[in-house]
C-alpha atoms as a PDB file:
ATOM      1  CA  UNK A   1     -20.387   2.608  68.543  1.00  0.00           C
ATOM      2  CA  UNK A   2     -22.941  -0.146  68.645  1.00  0.00           C
ATOM      3  CA  UNK A   3     -26.422  -0.917  68.597  1.00  0.00           C
ATOM      4  CA  UNK A   4     -27.954  -1.157  71.962  1.00  0.00           C
ATOM      5  CA  UNK A   5     -30.964  -3.335  71.786  1.00  0.00           C
ATOM      6  CA  UNK A   6     -33.289  -5.068  69.970  1.00  0.00           C
ATOM      7  CA  UNK A   7     -32.773  -7.310  66.413  1.00  0.00           C
ATOM      8  CA  UNK A   8     -29.697  -5.600  65.722  1.00  0.00           C
ATOM      9  CA  UNK A   9     -28.280  -5.270  69.239  1.00  0.00           C
ATOM     10  CA  UNK A  10     -24.455  -5.402  69.041  1.00  0.00           C
ATOM     11  CA  UNK A  11     -23.810  -4.407  65.458  1.00  0.00           C
ATOM     12  CA  UNK A  12     -20.845  -2.057  65.586  1.00  0.00           C
ATOM     13  CA  UNK A  13     -21.523   0.635  62.959  1.00  0.00           C
ATOM     14  CA  UNK A  14     -18.611   2.674  61.182  1.00  0.00           C
ATOM     15  CA  UNK A  15     -18.141   6.123  62.008  1.00  0.00           C
ATOM     16  CA  UNK A  16     -16.244   8.471  59.799  1.00  0.00           C
ATOM     17  CA  UNK A  17     -12.504   9.531  60.553  1.00  0.00           C
ATOM     18  CA  UNK A  18     -12.141  12.927  61.464  1.00  0.00           C
ATOM     19  CA  UNK A  19     -14.729  15.742  63.179  1.00  0.00           C
ATOM     20  CA  UNK A  20     -17.365  16.063  60.324  1.00  0.00           C
ATOM     21  CA  UNK A  21     -19.900  13.989  61.964  1.00  0.00           C
ATOM     22  CA  UNK A  22     -20.457  13.673  65.666  1.00  0.00           C
ATOM     23  CA  UNK A  23     -21.874  10.186  66.534  1.00  0.00           C
ATOM     24  CA  UNK A  24     -24.676  10.647  69.378  1.00  0.00           C
ATOM     25  CA  UNK A  25     -23.029   8.517  72.209  1.00  0.00           C
ATOM     26  CA  UNK A  26     -24.251   5.471  73.049  1.00  0.00           C
ATOM     27  CA  UNK A  27     -25.100   6.385  76.662  1.00  0.00           C
ATOM     28  CA  UNK A  28     -27.380   9.565  75.157  1.00  0.00           C
ATOM     29  CA  UNK A  29     -28.973   7.157  72.621  1.00  0.00           C
ATOM     30  CA  UNK A  30     -30.053   4.305  75.423  1.00  0.00           C
ATOM     31  CA  UNK A  31     -31.422   7.206  77.537  1.00  0.00           C
ATOM     32  CA  UNK A  32     -33.546   8.446  74.692  1.00  0.00           C
ATOM     33  CA  UNK A  33     -35.041   5.191  73.946  1.00  0.00           C
ATOM     34  CA  UNK A  34     -35.778   4.742  77.295  1.00  0.00           C
ATOM     35  CA  UNK A  35     -37.984   7.514  77.341  1.00  0.00           C
ATOM     36  CA  UNK A  36     -39.692   6.786  74.052  1.00  0.00           C
ATOM     37  CA  UNK A  37     -40.196   3.092  75.374  1.00  0.00           C
ATOM     38  CA  UNK A  38     -42.644   1.074  73.379  1.00  0.00           C
ATOM     39  CA  UNK A  39     -43.933   4.476  71.273  1.00  0.00           C
ATOM     40  CA  UNK A  40     -41.273   3.196  68.809  1.00  0.00           C
ATOM     41  CA  UNK A  41     -42.679   0.229  67.798  1.00  0.00           C
ATOM     42  CA  UNK A  42     -44.517   0.404  64.181  1.00  0.00           C
ATOM     43  CA  UNK A  43     -43.811   3.724  63.864  1.00  0.00           C
ATOM     44  CA  UNK A  44     -42.381   6.292  61.022  1.00  0.00           C
ATOM     45  CA  UNK A  45     -39.167   7.551  62.141  1.00  0.00           C
ATOM     46  CA  UNK A  46     -36.976  10.684  60.557  1.00  0.00           C
ATOM     47  CA  UNK A  47     -33.596  11.382  61.347  1.00  0.00           C
ATOM     48  CA  UNK A  48     -32.448  14.883  60.344  1.00  0.00           C
ATOM     49  CA  UNK A  49     -28.555  15.437  59.717  1.00  0.00           C
ATOM     50  CA  UNK A  50     -28.298  11.609  60.201  1.00  0.00           C
ATOM     51  CA  UNK A  51     -24.580  11.419  59.977  1.00  0.00           C
ATOM     52  CA  UNK A  52     -23.617   7.568  60.775  1.00  0.00           C
ATOM     53  CA  UNK A  53     -27.406   6.606  61.219  1.00  0.00           C
ATOM     54  CA  UNK A  54     -27.177   5.281  64.664  1.00  0.00           C
ATOM     55  CA  UNK A  55     -30.232   6.883  65.849  1.00  0.00           C
ATOM     56  CA  UNK A  56     -32.489   5.617  63.231  1.00  0.00           C
ATOM     57  CA  UNK A  57     -31.093   2.499  63.107  1.00  0.00           C
ATOM     58  CA  UNK A  58     -31.217   2.065  66.839  1.00  0.00           C
ATOM     59  CA  UNK A  59     -34.874   2.931  65.927  1.00  0.00           C
ATOM     60  CA  UNK A  60     -35.554   0.408  63.288  1.00  0.00           C
ATOM     61  CA  UNK A  61     -33.617  -2.324  65.935  1.00  0.00           C
ATOM     62  CA  UNK A  62     -36.459  -1.563  68.547  1.00  0.00           C
ATOM     63  CA  UNK A  63     -39.157  -1.874  66.201  1.00  0.00           C
ATOM     64  CA  UNK A  64     -39.901   1.026  64.173  1.00  0.00           C
ATOM     65  CA  UNK A  65     -41.651   0.230  60.915  1.00  0.00           C
ATOM     66  CA  UNK A  66     -39.416   2.231  58.679  1.00  0.00           C
ATOM     67  CA  UNK A  67     -36.718   5.107  58.897  1.00  0.00           C
ATOM     68  CA  UNK A  68     -35.776   7.798  56.623  1.00  0.00           C
ATOM     69  CA  UNK A  69     -32.206   9.171  56.785  1.00  0.00           C
ATOM     70  CA  UNK A  70     -31.560  12.678  55.626  1.00  0.00           C
ATOM     71  CA  UNK A  71     -27.932  13.818  55.013  1.00  0.00           C
ATOM     72  CA  UNK A  72     -26.345  16.487  52.567  1.00  0.00           C
ATOM     73  CA  UNK A  73     -23.115  14.725  51.615  1.00  0.00           C
ATOM     74  CA  UNK A  74     -22.990  11.639  49.547  1.00  0.00           C
ATOM     75  CA  UNK A  75     -20.026  10.309  51.588  1.00  0.00           C
ATOM     76  CA  UNK A  76     -22.249  10.381  54.412  1.00  0.00           C
ATOM     77  CA  UNK A  77     -25.196   8.681  52.817  1.00  0.00           C
ATOM     78  CA  UNK A  78     -23.044   5.921  51.803  1.00  0.00           C
ATOM     79  CA  UNK A  79     -21.632   5.487  55.670  1.00  0.00           C
ATOM     80  CA  UNK A  80     -25.632   5.391  56.451  1.00  0.00           C
ATOM     81  CA  UNK A  81     -26.422   2.352  53.650  1.00  0.00           C
ATOM     82  CA  UNK A  82     -23.297   0.628  54.703  1.00  0.00           C
ATOM     83  CA  UNK A  83     -24.478   0.758  58.766  1.00  0.00           C
ATOM     84  CA  UNK A  84     -27.937  -0.598  57.501  1.00  0.00           C
ATOM     85  CA  UNK A  85     -26.701  -3.173  55.727  1.00  0.00           C
ATOM     86  CA  UNK A  86     -24.368  -4.437  58.881  1.00  0.00           C
ATOM     87  CA  UNK A  87     -27.494  -4.110  60.955  1.00  0.00           C
ATOM     88  CA  UNK A  88     -29.463  -5.825  58.360  1.00  0.00           C
ATOM     89  CA  UNK A  89     -32.365  -3.535  58.181  1.00  0.00           C
ATOM     90  CA  UNK A  90     -32.170  -1.865  54.878  1.00  0.00           C
ATOM     91  CA  UNK A  91     -35.048  -2.881  53.844  1.00  0.00           C
ATOM     92  CA  UNK A  92     -37.029  -0.854  55.975  1.00  0.00           C
ATOM     93  CA  UNK A  93     -34.816   2.265  55.232  1.00  0.00           C
ATOM     94  CA  UNK A  94     -34.371   5.034  52.838  1.00  0.00           C
ATOM     95  CA  UNK A  95     -31.935   7.858  52.399  1.00  0.00           C
ATOM     96  CA  UNK A  96     -32.373  11.461  51.151  1.00  0.00           C
ATOM     97  CA  UNK A  97     -29.840  13.581  50.044  1.00  0.00           C
ATOM     98  CA  UNK A  98     -30.809  17.189  50.763  1.00  0.00           C
ATOM     99  CA  UNK A  99     -29.802  20.267  52.718  1.00  0.00           C
ATOM    100  CA  UNK A 100     -31.929  20.791  55.782  1.00  0.00           C
ATOM    101  CA  UNK A 101     -33.953  22.881  56.603  1.00  0.00           C
ATOM    102  CA  UNK A 102     -34.033  24.509  53.150  1.00  0.00           C
ATOM    103  CA  UNK A 103     -35.027  21.337  51.103  1.00  0.00           C
ATOM    104  CA  UNK A 104     -37.105  19.483  53.532  1.00  0.00           C
ATOM    105  CA  UNK A 105     -39.835  19.603  51.198  1.00  0.00           C
ATOM    106  CA  UNK A 106     -38.412  16.350  49.292  1.00  0.00           C
ATOM    107  CA  UNK A 107     -38.431  14.238  51.943  1.00  0.00           C
ATOM    108  CA  UNK A 108     -41.979  13.128  51.896  1.00  0.00           C
ATOM    109  CA  UNK A 109     -44.060  11.207  54.144  1.00  0.00           C
ATOM    110  CA  UNK A 110     -45.455  11.697  57.908  1.00  0.00           C
ATOM    111  CA  UNK A 111     -43.342  10.696  61.034  1.00  0.00           C
ATOM    112  CA  UNK A 112     -44.376  10.018  64.733  1.00  0.00           C
ATOM    113  CA  UNK A 113     -40.842  10.995  65.515  1.00  0.00           C
ATOM    114  CA  UNK A 114     -38.586  13.305  63.857  1.00  0.00           C
ATOM    115  CA  UNK A 115     -35.304  13.506  65.057  1.00  0.00           C
ATOM    116  CA  UNK A 116     -32.674  16.272  64.430  1.00  0.00           C
ATOM    117  CA  UNK A 117     -29.109  16.220  65.601  1.00  0.00           C
ATOM    118  CA  UNK A 118     -27.315  19.186  63.869  1.00  0.00           C
ATOM    119  CA  UNK A 119     -24.047  20.518  63.576  1.00  0.00           C
ATOM    120  CA  UNK A 120     -22.948  22.245  66.637  1.00  0.00           C
ATOM    121  CA  UNK A 121     -22.633  25.431  64.851  1.00  0.00           C
ATOM    122  CA  UNK A 122     -26.596  25.306  63.820  1.00  0.00           C
ATOM    123  CA  UNK A 123     -28.591  28.085  65.071  1.00  0.00           C
ATOM    124  CA  UNK A 124     -31.881  28.614  62.978  1.00  0.00           C
ATOM    125  CA  UNK A 125     -33.954  26.188  64.878  1.00  0.00           C
ATOM    126  CA  UNK A 126     -37.274  28.350  64.579  1.00  0.00           C
ATOM    127  CA  UNK A 127     -36.422  27.664  60.542  1.00  0.00           C
ATOM    128  CA  UNK A 128     -36.135  23.958  61.305  1.00  0.00           C
ATOM    129  CA  UNK A 129     -39.160  23.506  63.111  1.00  0.00           C
ATOM    130  CA  UNK A 130     -41.052  25.925  60.376  1.00  0.00           C
ATOM    131  CA  UNK A 131     -39.819  23.787  57.571  1.00  0.00           C
ATOM    132  CA  UNK A 132     -40.654  20.536  59.057  1.00  0.00           C
ATOM    133  CA  UNK A 133     -44.400  21.979  59.909  1.00  0.00           C
ATOM    134  CA  UNK A 134     -44.482  23.314  55.866  1.00  0.00           C
ATOM    135  CA  UNK A 135     -43.573  20.265  54.472  1.00  0.00           C
ATOM    136  CA  UNK A 136     -46.259  18.284  56.909  1.00  0.00           C
ATOM    137  CA  UNK A 137     -43.405  16.158  58.146  1.00  0.00           C
ATOM    138  CA  UNK A 138     -44.205  15.545  62.025  1.00  0.00           C
ATOM    139  CA  UNK A 139     -47.418  13.517  62.099  1.00  0.00           C
ATOM    140  CA  UNK A 140     -50.377  15.149  64.536  1.00  0.00           C
ATOM    141  CA  UNK A 141     -49.367  13.512  67.364  1.00  0.00           C
ATOM    142  CA  UNK A 142     -45.907  13.069  66.517  1.00  0.00           C
ATOM    143  CA  UNK A 143     -42.930  14.473  68.604  1.00  0.00           C
ATOM    144  CA  UNK A 144     -39.985  16.692  67.619  1.00  0.00           C
ATOM    145  CA  UNK A 145     -36.614  16.020  69.128  1.00  0.00           C
ATOM    146  CA  UNK A 146     -33.347  17.939  69.061  1.00  0.00           C
ATOM    147  CA  UNK A 147     -30.072  17.014  70.393  1.00  0.00           C
ATOM    148  CA  UNK A 148     -27.681  19.988  70.982  1.00  0.00           C
ATOM    149  CA  UNK A 149     -25.275  21.268  73.710  1.00  0.00           C
ATOM    150  CA  UNK A 150     -26.385  21.942  76.900  1.00  0.00           C
ATOM    151  CA  UNK A 151     -25.963  25.882  76.140  1.00  0.00           C
ATOM    152  CA  UNK A 152     -28.710  25.529  73.612  1.00  0.00           C
ATOM    153  CA  UNK A 153     -32.049  26.186  75.448  1.00  0.00           C
ATOM    154  CA  UNK A 154     -35.699  26.737  73.766  1.00  0.00           C
ATOM    155  CA  UNK A 155     -38.691  28.811  74.982  1.00  0.00           C
ATOM    156  CA  UNK A 156     -41.900  26.737  75.842  1.00  0.00           C
ATOM    157  CA  UNK A 157     -42.520  27.010  72.090  1.00  0.00           C
ATOM    158  CA  UNK A 158     -40.962  26.185  69.071  1.00  0.00           C
ATOM    159  CA  UNK A 159     -43.412  27.412  66.437  1.00  0.00           C
ATOM    160  CA  UNK A 160     -46.446  25.605  66.539  1.00  0.00           C
ATOM    161  CA  UNK A 161     -44.695  22.985  68.870  1.00  0.00           C
ATOM    162  CA  UNK A 162     -44.606  22.633  72.579  1.00  0.00           C
ATOM    163  CA  UNK A 163     -42.035  21.885  74.813  1.00  0.00           C
ATOM    164  CA  UNK A 164     -42.550  18.562  76.502  1.00  0.00           C
ATOM    165  CA  UNK A 165     -39.398  17.662  78.305  1.00  0.00           C
ATOM    166  CA  UNK A 166     -35.792  18.678  78.654  1.00  0.00           C
ATOM    167  CA  UNK A 167     -32.703  15.980  79.605  1.00  0.00           C
ATOM    168  CA  UNK A 168     -29.390  16.785  79.705  1.00  0.00           C
ATOM    169  CA  UNK A 169     -26.694  13.928  79.425  1.00  0.00           C
ATOM    170  CA  UNK A 170     -23.006  15.685  80.241  1.00  0.00           C
ATOM    171  CA  UNK A 171     -22.885  18.375  77.363  1.00  0.00           C
ATOM    172  CA  UNK A 172     -25.352  17.286  75.594  1.00  0.00           C
ATOM    173  CA  UNK A 173     -28.930  18.236  75.878  1.00  0.00           C
ATOM    174  CA  UNK A 174     -32.490  16.512  74.383  1.00  0.00           C
ATOM    175  CA  UNK A 175     -35.215  18.653  74.022  1.00  0.00           C
ATOM    176  CA  UNK A 176     -38.687  17.019  73.122  1.00  0.00           C
ATOM    177  CA  UNK A 177     -41.321  18.805  71.721  1.00  0.00           C
ATOM    178  CA  UNK A 178     -45.254  17.903  70.531  1.00  0.00           C
END
């Protein structure tokens, strides 16, 4: 797994052994950032269920002003810190240990992009959306992007958010709300 573009282009990131983390594939990240284009420049990016941190690190590499990485295990947060150090982007990042969506209030801030890549077993997207809204994490003109298996589909609305776009890449679906 590597950073595809920007200041950290080509940096190889660590992944944990086993199946506890399922990193977003390079081609899915590349497609995501092709969709986002220049809108990632100078923004605040929130990476929920961050795993290896690859998506948020890609955002920083492509010009995001800052990124916050949220995970609930210390081992994953340490992995993200190592990957940020490898990419030389630690100064623009913060890690937060909390359980998503139950403890999102501790994250703080407002983000133009909130990206969530929950475990495949996760099903409570309505509560996730509500928690993001109640914590004030999504900027008024922000986008909420969820990576799910292709079998997960959403109605046109998820709480106060409206479906903007859906893309499928193999067995992965990116759903974008605004």
